[in-house]
Structures are given as structure tokens and as C-alpha cells.
Amino acid sequence: MSFAIIETGGKQYKVSASKILEIEKLNAKVGETIKFKNVLLLNDDKTTEIGSPSVSGATVEAKLLDNVKDRTVLIFHKRRRKHSRKKNGHRQKHSKIQITKILSKDGKVIDEAKAIVAKKASKEVPSKKMTTKETVSKKKVVKK
């Protein structure tokens, strides 16, 4: 299993093809392809390349799925015996990405994700079950 370690937003992530990550917010539009050039380590099934500090020429490509907000973190300050309270909240912005390709330093594809298929949330209308009152009333209508 091949993987890479990339750095973005001051953090390091271990990524492999078709993996979905939440990283610090990127200034890009949904659906765009993003290239990460700061690759710290590349691991193929046979070899491992460690960069100093990064592997030159190696890139990781990803597709931006969505820009989302994290859950609310509450900040509460209270000074005792002063009748002073302050309540604040914060929601950090994240980008949801899916790794599509891992490329080595000579441009060779190490690992590639299979075709990304967006699943549609189709709501099937369940068949309406008739209550006993409705079935009785329909029988009466039929008899007349």
C-alpha cells in the first residue's frame, strides 16, 4: 500500500489514494484540483523516499469536495465576585478534500484513485400503507 506524508496549514497528514481529509481552509472553488508540492515522504510498495525537508518534484493531487465549518467551541470567561461573565463561540473553517493521485519526483504515478462517483441521495417514495379505516371505507364504496 503506497502513501505519502504532506504538509499543509502547518500540519502533516498521511494520505493515500481516494482518502478523504478535512484540512485547514483553502482558497479554492468546489470541484477544483489542488496540488500539494510539500511532500515530506513517499512510500511505494518497493521503495521509500524521505525528503530533506521535502521530496523535490513529488506532488499529491486532490479534489476539493466542500468547504465546511467545524462544530462550535464555546469560550466562557468568568471573574468571580465581580459579576463579570463573557460567553463567546468559534467555528473553525475546514476544506474537505479527496486524494486523487500521488506522483513521484520524476512524474510517475505511484497511486491513483478510482473514478470518483457522486452518490445521489434519492428518496424513494414508500408505498402508502392503508389503515384499517381506509380499507373498510373502500370496501363500502365498492359494495354500493
N, C-alpha and C. Protein backbone atom coordinates (compact mmCIF):
# COMPACT_ATOMS: atom_id res chain seq x y z
N MET A 1 0.85 -1.18 0.00
CA MET A 1 0.00 0.00 0.00
C MET A 1 0.89 1.24 0.00
N SER A 2 0.73 2.07 -1.00
CA SER A 2 1.56 3.27 -1.09
C SER A 2 0.86 4.45 -0.41
N PHE A 3 1.69 5.33 0.15
CA PHE A 3 1.17 6.51 0.81
C PHE A 3 2.19 7.62 0.75
N ALA A 4 1.79 8.81 1.16
CA ALA A 4 2.68 9.96 1.22
C ALA A 4 2.34 10.76 2.47
N ILE A 5 3.31 11.53 2.92
CA ILE A 5 3.07 12.45 4.03
C ILE A 5 3.24 13.86 3.48
N ILE A 6 2.17 14.66 3.59
CA ILE A 6 2.21 16.03 3.07
C ILE A 6 2.06 17.01 4.21
N GLU A 7 2.45 18.25 3.96
CA GLU A 7 2.28 19.31 4.95
C GLU A 7 1.44 20.41 4.33
N THR A 8 0.38 20.80 5.04
CA THR A 8 -0.46 21.91 4.62
C THR A 8 -1.11 22.52 5.86
N GLY A 9 -1.18 23.82 5.88
CA GLY A 9 -1.79 24.52 7.01
C GLY A 9 -1.03 24.33 8.31
N GLY A 10 0.28 24.08 8.24
CA GLY A 10 1.09 23.89 9.44
C GLY A 10 0.94 22.52 10.08
N LYS A 11 0.25 21.62 9.40
CA LYS A 11 0.05 20.26 9.93
C LYS A 11 0.50 19.24 8.90
N GLN A 12 0.82 18.04 9.38
CA GLN A 12 1.24 16.96 8.49
C GLN A 12 0.16 15.89 8.44
N TYR A 13 -0.08 15.36 7.24
CA TYR A 13 -1.12 14.36 7.03
C TYR A 13 -0.55 13.17 6.26
N LYS A 14 -0.92 11.96 6.69
CA LYS A 14 -0.58 10.76 5.95
C LYS A 14 -1.73 10.49 5.00
N VAL A 15 -1.44 10.48 3.69
CA VAL A 15 -2.50 10.36 2.69
C VAL A 15 -2.24 9.16 1.78
N SER A 16 -3.30 8.58 1.30
CA SER A 16 -3.24 7.54 0.28
C SER A 16 -4.37 7.84 -0.72
N ALA A 17 -4.35 7.17 -1.84
CA ALA A 17 -5.32 7.45 -2.90
C ALA A 17 -6.74 7.19 -2.42
N SER A 18 -7.65 8.04 -2.82
CA SER A 18 -9.09 8.04 -2.51
C SER A 18 -9.42 8.28 -1.04
N LYS A 19 -8.46 8.76 -0.26
CA LYS A 19 -8.72 9.08 1.13
C LYS A 19 -9.34 10.47 1.23
N ILE A 20 -10.32 10.64 2.12
CA ILE A 20 -10.98 11.92 2.33
C ILE A 20 -10.47 12.53 3.62
N LEU A 21 -10.04 13.80 3.54
CA LEU A 21 -9.46 14.50 4.69
C LEU A 21 -10.17 15.82 4.93
N GLU A 22 -10.11 16.30 6.18
CA GLU A 22 -10.51 17.66 6.50
C GLU A 22 -9.26 18.41 6.89
N ILE A 23 -8.90 19.43 6.10
CA ILE A 23 -7.70 20.21 6.35
C ILE A 23 -8.08 21.67 6.58
N GLU A 24 -7.10 22.50 6.91
CA GLU A 24 -7.36 23.93 7.06
C GLU A 24 -7.92 24.49 5.76
N LYS A 25 -8.75 25.53 5.87
CA LYS A 25 -9.47 26.05 4.70
C LYS A 25 -8.51 26.52 3.61
N LEU A 26 -8.83 26.12 2.38
CA LEU A 26 -8.08 26.52 1.20
C LEU A 26 -8.90 27.51 0.39
N ASN A 27 -8.22 28.45 -0.26
CA ASN A 27 -8.92 29.41 -1.11
C ASN A 27 -9.05 28.83 -2.52
N ALA A 28 -10.03 27.98 -2.71
CA ALA A 28 -10.30 27.36 -4.00
C ALA A 28 -11.79 27.09 -4.10
N LYS A 29 -12.24 26.88 -5.32
CA LYS A 29 -13.66 26.60 -5.54
C LYS A 29 -13.92 25.10 -5.45
N VAL A 30 -15.14 24.75 -5.12
CA VAL A 30 -15.54 23.34 -5.00
C VAL A 30 -15.41 22.67 -6.36
N GLY A 31 -14.75 21.50 -6.38
CA GLY A 31 -14.57 20.76 -7.61
C GLY A 31 -13.21 20.97 -8.25
N GLU A 32 -12.45 21.96 -7.78
CA GLU A 32 -11.12 22.22 -8.35
C GLU A 32 -10.12 21.17 -7.92
N THR A 33 -9.07 21.00 -8.74
CA THR A 33 -7.97 20.10 -8.41
C THR A 33 -6.87 20.91 -7.75
N ILE A 34 -6.39 20.42 -6.62
CA ILE A 34 -5.36 21.10 -5.83
C ILE A 34 -4.11 20.24 -5.86
N LYS A 35 -2.94 20.89 -6.00
CA LYS A 35 -1.66 20.17 -5.99
C LYS A 35 -0.89 20.56 -4.74
N PHE A 36 -0.48 19.56 -3.97
CA PHE A 36 0.36 19.78 -2.80
C PHE A 36 1.80 19.42 -3.18
N LYS A 37 2.69 20.41 -3.14
CA LYS A 37 4.07 20.19 -3.55
C LYS A 37 4.99 19.96 -2.37
N ASN A 38 4.51 20.19 -1.16
CA ASN A 38 5.34 20.00 0.03
C ASN A 38 5.14 18.56 0.53
N VAL A 39 5.76 17.61 -0.17
CA VAL A 39 5.67 16.18 0.16
C VAL A 39 6.90 15.81 0.98
N LEU A 40 6.68 15.36 2.23
CA LEU A 40 7.78 15.06 3.13
C LEU A 40 8.29 13.63 2.97
N LEU A 41 7.41 12.70 2.60
CA LEU A 41 7.80 11.30 2.47
C LEU A 41 6.93 10.64 1.42
N LEU A 42 7.55 9.77 0.63
CA LEU A 42 6.84 8.97 -0.37
C LEU A 42 7.12 7.51 -0.11
N ASN A 43 6.10 6.70 -0.05
CA ASN A 43 6.29 5.27 0.17
C ASN A 43 5.55 4.51 -0.92
N ASP A 44 6.33 3.81 -1.75
CA ASP A 44 5.78 2.94 -2.76
C ASP A 44 5.76 1.54 -2.15
N ASP A 45 5.24 0.56 -2.86
CA ASP A 45 5.26 -0.81 -2.34
C ASP A 45 6.70 -1.32 -2.20
N LYS A 46 7.63 -0.78 -2.99
CA LYS A 46 9.00 -1.28 -3.00
C LYS A 46 9.99 -0.33 -2.32
N THR A 47 9.83 0.98 -2.52
CA THR A 47 10.82 1.94 -2.02
C THR A 47 10.18 3.00 -1.15
N THR A 48 11.05 3.64 -0.36
CA THR A 48 10.63 4.77 0.48
C THR A 48 11.60 5.91 0.23
N GLU A 49 11.05 7.10 -0.06
CA GLU A 49 11.87 8.29 -0.26
C GLU A 49 11.56 9.27 0.85
N ILE A 50 12.60 9.67 1.57
CA ILE A 50 12.44 10.64 2.64
C ILE A 50 13.08 11.94 2.18
N GLY A 51 12.33 13.03 2.28
CA GLY A 51 12.84 14.32 1.84
C GLY A 51 13.62 15.02 2.93
N SER A 52 14.45 15.96 2.49
CA SER A 52 15.16 16.76 3.48
C SER A 52 15.07 18.22 3.07
N PRO A 53 14.12 19.00 3.42
CA PRO A 53 12.93 18.68 4.20
C PRO A 53 11.80 18.08 3.38
N SER A 54 11.81 18.27 2.04
CA SER A 54 10.74 17.68 1.23
C SER A 54 11.34 17.01 0.00
N VAL A 55 10.56 16.10 -0.59
CA VAL A 55 10.99 15.39 -1.79
C VAL A 55 10.75 16.33 -2.97
N SER A 56 11.82 16.76 -3.63
CA SER A 56 11.67 17.74 -4.71
C SER A 56 11.06 17.07 -5.94
N GLY A 57 10.06 17.74 -6.51
CA GLY A 57 9.40 17.22 -7.71
C GLY A 57 8.20 16.34 -7.44
N ALA A 58 8.05 15.84 -6.23
CA ALA A 58 6.92 14.98 -5.91
C ALA A 58 5.69 15.84 -5.61
N THR A 59 4.53 15.39 -6.07
CA THR A 59 3.29 16.12 -5.82
C THR A 59 2.17 15.16 -5.45
N VAL A 60 1.18 15.71 -4.78
CA VAL A 60 -0.04 14.97 -4.45
C VAL A 60 -1.19 15.80 -4.96
N GLU A 61 -2.07 15.20 -5.76
CA GLU A 61 -3.23 15.89 -6.31
C GLU A 61 -4.48 15.49 -5.54
N ALA A 62 -5.34 16.48 -5.31
CA ALA A 62 -6.58 16.25 -4.58
C ALA A 62 -7.70 17.05 -5.21
N LYS A 63 -8.92 16.62 -4.96
CA LYS A 63 -10.10 17.32 -5.45
C LYS A 63 -10.82 17.92 -4.25
N LEU A 64 -11.16 19.21 -4.34
CA LEU A 64 -11.86 19.88 -3.25
C LEU A 64 -13.34 19.50 -3.30
N LEU A 65 -13.79 18.83 -2.25
CA LEU A 65 -15.19 18.38 -2.20
C LEU A 65 -16.11 19.45 -1.64
N ASP A 66 -15.68 20.12 -0.53
CA ASP A 66 -16.56 21.08 0.12
C ASP A 66 -15.78 21.92 1.10
N ASN A 67 -16.25 23.14 1.34
CA ASN A 67 -15.74 23.98 2.42
C ASN A 67 -16.78 23.97 3.52
N VAL A 68 -16.39 23.52 4.71
CA VAL A 68 -17.34 23.33 5.80
C VAL A 68 -16.86 24.05 7.06
N LYS A 69 -17.74 24.14 8.04
CA LYS A 69 -17.39 24.69 9.35
C LYS A 69 -17.42 23.59 10.39
N ASP A 70 -16.52 23.68 11.35
CA ASP A 70 -16.43 22.72 12.43
C ASP A 70 -17.54 23.00 13.45
N ARG A 71 -17.67 22.15 14.44
CA ARG A 71 -18.68 22.38 15.48
C ARG A 71 -18.27 23.60 16.31
N THR A 72 -19.22 24.17 17.03
CA THR A 72 -18.98 25.37 17.82
C THR A 72 -18.18 25.04 19.07
N VAL A 73 -17.13 25.82 19.30
CA VAL A 73 -16.35 25.73 20.52
C VAL A 73 -16.71 26.93 21.37
N LEU A 74 -17.21 26.69 22.59
CA LEU A 74 -17.62 27.76 23.47
C LEU A 74 -16.46 28.23 24.35
N ILE A 75 -16.32 29.55 24.45
CA ILE A 75 -15.32 30.15 25.32
C ILE A 75 -16.08 30.93 26.38
N PHE A 76 -15.86 30.60 27.64
CA PHE A 76 -16.59 31.24 28.73
C PHE A 76 -15.59 31.81 29.73
N HIS A 77 -15.69 33.13 29.97
CA HIS A 77 -14.82 33.80 30.95
C HIS A 77 -15.69 34.27 32.11
N LYS A 78 -15.25 33.99 33.31
CA LYS A 78 -15.96 34.46 34.49
C LYS A 78 -14.95 34.95 35.51
N ARG A 79 -15.20 36.14 36.01
CA ARG A 79 -14.37 36.66 37.10
C ARG A 79 -15.19 36.57 38.37
N ARG A 80 -14.74 35.77 39.30
CA ARG A 80 -15.55 35.53 40.48
C ARG A 80 -15.64 36.79 41.35
N ARG A 81 -16.79 36.91 41.95
CA ARG A 81 -17.12 38.01 42.85
C ARG A 81 -17.12 39.38 42.16
N LYS A 82 -17.14 39.43 40.86
CA LYS A 82 -17.12 40.71 40.14
C LYS A 82 -18.39 40.90 39.28
N HIS A 83 -19.24 39.91 39.23
CA HIS A 83 -20.43 39.92 38.37
C HIS A 83 -20.04 40.16 36.91
N SER A 84 -18.97 39.52 36.51
CA SER A 84 -18.47 39.70 35.14
C SER A 84 -18.41 38.33 34.46
N ARG A 85 -19.16 38.22 33.39
CA ARG A 85 -19.18 36.99 32.60
C ARG A 85 -19.13 37.35 31.12
N LYS A 86 -18.48 36.50 30.35
CA LYS A 86 -18.46 36.70 28.91
C LYS A 86 -18.49 35.33 28.24
N LYS A 87 -19.41 35.15 27.30
CA LYS A 87 -19.54 33.88 26.59
C LYS A 87 -19.33 34.16 25.11
N ASN A 88 -18.46 33.38 24.50
CA ASN A 88 -18.12 33.56 23.11
C ASN A 88 -18.13 32.20 22.41
N GLY A 89 -18.26 32.19 21.11
CA GLY A 89 -18.21 30.93 20.36
C GLY A 89 -17.35 31.08 19.13
N HIS A 90 -16.83 29.95 18.65
CA HIS A 90 -15.98 29.97 17.45
C HIS A 90 -16.22 28.71 16.64
N ARG A 91 -16.32 28.87 15.31
CA ARG A 91 -16.45 27.74 14.40
C ARG A 91 -15.34 27.84 13.37
N GLN A 92 -14.39 26.90 13.42
CA GLN A 92 -13.25 26.90 12.51
C GLN A 92 -13.68 26.42 11.13
N LYS A 93 -13.15 27.03 10.08
CA LYS A 93 -13.47 26.64 8.71
C LYS A 93 -12.48 25.58 8.23
N HIS A 94 -13.00 24.56 7.55
CA HIS A 94 -12.20 23.46 7.02
C HIS A 94 -12.53 23.25 5.55
N SER A 95 -11.62 22.59 4.87
CA SER A 95 -11.86 22.15 3.49
C SER A 95 -11.84 20.63 3.49
N LYS A 96 -12.83 20.05 2.84
CA LYS A 96 -12.90 18.60 2.71
C LYS A 96 -12.34 18.23 1.34
N ILE A 97 -11.27 17.40 1.33
CA ILE A 97 -10.63 17.04 0.06
C ILE A 97 -10.57 15.53 -0.08
N GLN A 98 -10.47 15.08 -1.33
CA GLN A 98 -10.26 13.66 -1.62
C GLN A 98 -9.01 13.54 -2.47
N ILE A 99 -8.08 12.69 -2.02
CA ILE A 99 -6.81 12.50 -2.72
C ILE A 99 -7.07 11.69 -3.99
N THR A 100 -6.60 12.21 -5.14
CA THR A 100 -6.81 11.52 -6.40
C THR A 100 -5.55 10.85 -6.93
N LYS A 101 -4.38 11.52 -6.83
CA LYS A 101 -3.14 10.96 -7.36
C LYS A 101 -1.97 11.26 -6.44
N ILE A 102 -1.02 10.34 -6.40
CA ILE A 102 0.27 10.57 -5.75
C ILE A 102 1.33 10.38 -6.84
N LEU A 103 2.09 11.44 -7.11
CA LEU A 103 3.09 11.42 -8.18
C LEU A 103 4.49 11.47 -7.59
N SER A 104 5.40 10.66 -8.14
CA SER A 104 6.79 10.65 -7.66
C SER A 104 7.56 11.83 -8.24
N LYS A 105 8.85 11.93 -7.89
CA LYS A 105 9.63 13.10 -8.30
C LYS A 105 9.90 13.14 -9.80
N ASP A 106 9.83 12.01 -10.49
CA ASP A 106 10.01 12.02 -11.95
C ASP A 106 8.68 12.08 -12.70
N GLY A 107 7.58 12.31 -12.00
CA GLY A 107 6.27 12.46 -12.63
C GLY A 107 5.51 11.17 -12.82
N LYS A 108 6.06 10.06 -12.34
CA LYS A 108 5.41 8.75 -12.46
C LYS A 108 4.30 8.64 -11.41
N VAL A 109 3.14 8.10 -11.81
CA VAL A 109 2.02 7.93 -10.90
C VAL A 109 2.29 6.74 -9.99
N ILE A 110 2.37 7.00 -8.69
CA ILE A 110 2.58 5.93 -7.71
C ILE A 110 1.26 5.27 -7.37
N ASP A 111 0.25 6.10 -7.10
CA ASP A 111 -1.06 5.58 -6.71
C ASP A 111 -2.13 6.52 -7.26
N GLU A 112 -3.23 5.96 -7.72
CA GLU A 112 -4.30 6.75 -8.30
C GLU A 112 -5.64 6.24 -7.78
N ALA A 113 -6.53 7.18 -7.49
CA ALA A 113 -7.86 6.81 -7.01
C ALA A 113 -8.71 6.34 -8.18
N LYS A 114 -9.62 5.45 -7.89
CA LYS A 114 -10.57 5.02 -8.90
C LYS A 114 -11.51 6.18 -9.19
N ALA A 115 -12.32 6.05 -10.22
CA ALA A 115 -13.23 7.12 -10.62
C ALA A 115 -14.11 7.52 -9.46
N ILE A 116 -14.18 8.83 -9.23
CA ILE A 116 -14.99 9.35 -8.13
C ILE A 116 -16.43 9.42 -8.59
N VAL A 117 -17.28 8.67 -7.93
CA VAL A 117 -18.69 8.62 -8.29
C VAL A 117 -19.48 9.28 -7.18
N ALA A 118 -20.19 10.33 -7.53
CA ALA A 118 -21.00 11.03 -6.55
C ALA A 118 -22.31 10.27 -6.36
N LYS A 119 -22.57 9.92 -5.12
CA LYS A 119 -23.80 9.19 -4.83
C LYS A 119 -24.94 10.18 -4.64
N LYS A 120 -26.03 9.94 -5.35
CA LYS A 120 -27.19 10.79 -5.20
C LYS A 120 -28.06 10.25 -4.07
N ALA A 121 -28.51 11.17 -3.25
CA ALA A 121 -29.38 10.78 -2.15
C ALA A 121 -30.81 10.79 -2.67
N SER A 122 -31.19 9.72 -3.30
CA SER A 122 -32.54 9.64 -3.86
C SER A 122 -33.48 9.06 -2.82
N LYS A 123 -34.56 9.77 -2.63
CA LYS A 123 -35.56 9.31 -1.67
C LYS A 123 -36.65 8.59 -2.44
N GLU A 124 -36.74 7.31 -2.21
CA GLU A 124 -37.80 6.55 -2.85
C GLU A 124 -39.07 6.72 -2.03
N VAL A 125 -40.16 6.94 -2.73
CA VAL A 125 -41.43 7.12 -2.05
C VAL A 125 -41.94 5.75 -1.65
N PRO A 126 -42.05 5.50 -0.36
CA PRO A 126 -42.54 4.19 0.05
C PRO A 126 -44.02 4.05 -0.31
N SER A 127 -44.42 2.83 -0.60
CA SER A 127 -45.82 2.61 -0.93
C SER A 127 -46.67 2.92 0.28
N LYS A 128 -47.75 3.64 0.04
CA LYS A 128 -48.60 4.08 1.13
C LYS A 128 -49.37 2.88 1.68
N LYS A 129 -49.22 2.69 2.97
CA LYS A 129 -49.95 1.60 3.61
C LYS A 129 -51.30 2.14 4.06
N MET A 130 -52.31 1.40 3.74
CA MET A 130 -53.65 1.83 4.11
C MET A 130 -53.97 1.38 5.51
N THR A 131 -54.59 2.27 6.23
CA THR A 131 -55.00 1.92 7.58
C THR A 131 -56.28 1.10 7.49
N THR A 132 -56.66 0.53 8.59
CA THR A 132 -57.86 -0.32 8.59
C THR A 132 -59.11 0.48 8.28
N LYS A 133 -59.14 1.73 8.71
CA LYS A 133 -60.31 2.56 8.43
C LYS A 133 -60.44 2.82 6.93
N GLU A 134 -59.30 3.08 6.26
CA GLU A 134 -59.34 3.34 4.82
C GLU A 134 -59.76 2.10 4.05
N THR A 135 -59.29 0.94 4.46
CA THR A 135 -59.66 -0.28 3.74
C THR A 135 -61.14 -0.58 3.92
N VAL A 136 -61.64 -0.35 5.09
CA VAL A 136 -63.06 -0.57 5.34
C VAL A 136 -63.89 0.39 4.52
N SER A 137 -63.49 1.67 4.47
CA SER A 137 -64.27 2.65 3.73
C SER A 137 -64.21 2.35 2.23
N LYS A 138 -63.11 1.85 1.72
CA LYS A 138 -63.02 1.50 0.31
C LYS A 138 -63.91 0.31 0.00
N LYS A 139 -63.99 -0.63 0.90
CA LYS A 139 -64.86 -1.80 0.68
C LYS A 139 -66.31 -1.37 0.63
N LYS A 140 -66.68 -0.41 1.47
CA LYS A 140 -68.04 0.06 1.46
C LYS A 140 -68.37 0.74 0.14
N VAL A 141 -67.41 1.49 -0.39
CA VAL A 141 -67.61 2.20 -1.64
C VAL A 141 -67.77 1.20 -2.78
N VAL A 142 -67.01 0.14 -2.75
CA VAL A 142 -67.06 -0.87 -3.79
C VAL A 142 -68.40 -1.60 -3.76
N LYS A 143 -68.96 -1.85 -2.59
CA LYS A 143 -70.21 -2.59 -2.47
C LYS A 143 -71.39 -1.81 -3.04
N LYS A 144 -71.37 -0.52 -3.00
CA LYS A 144 -72.51 0.28 -3.44
C LYS A 144 -72.68 0.26 -4.89
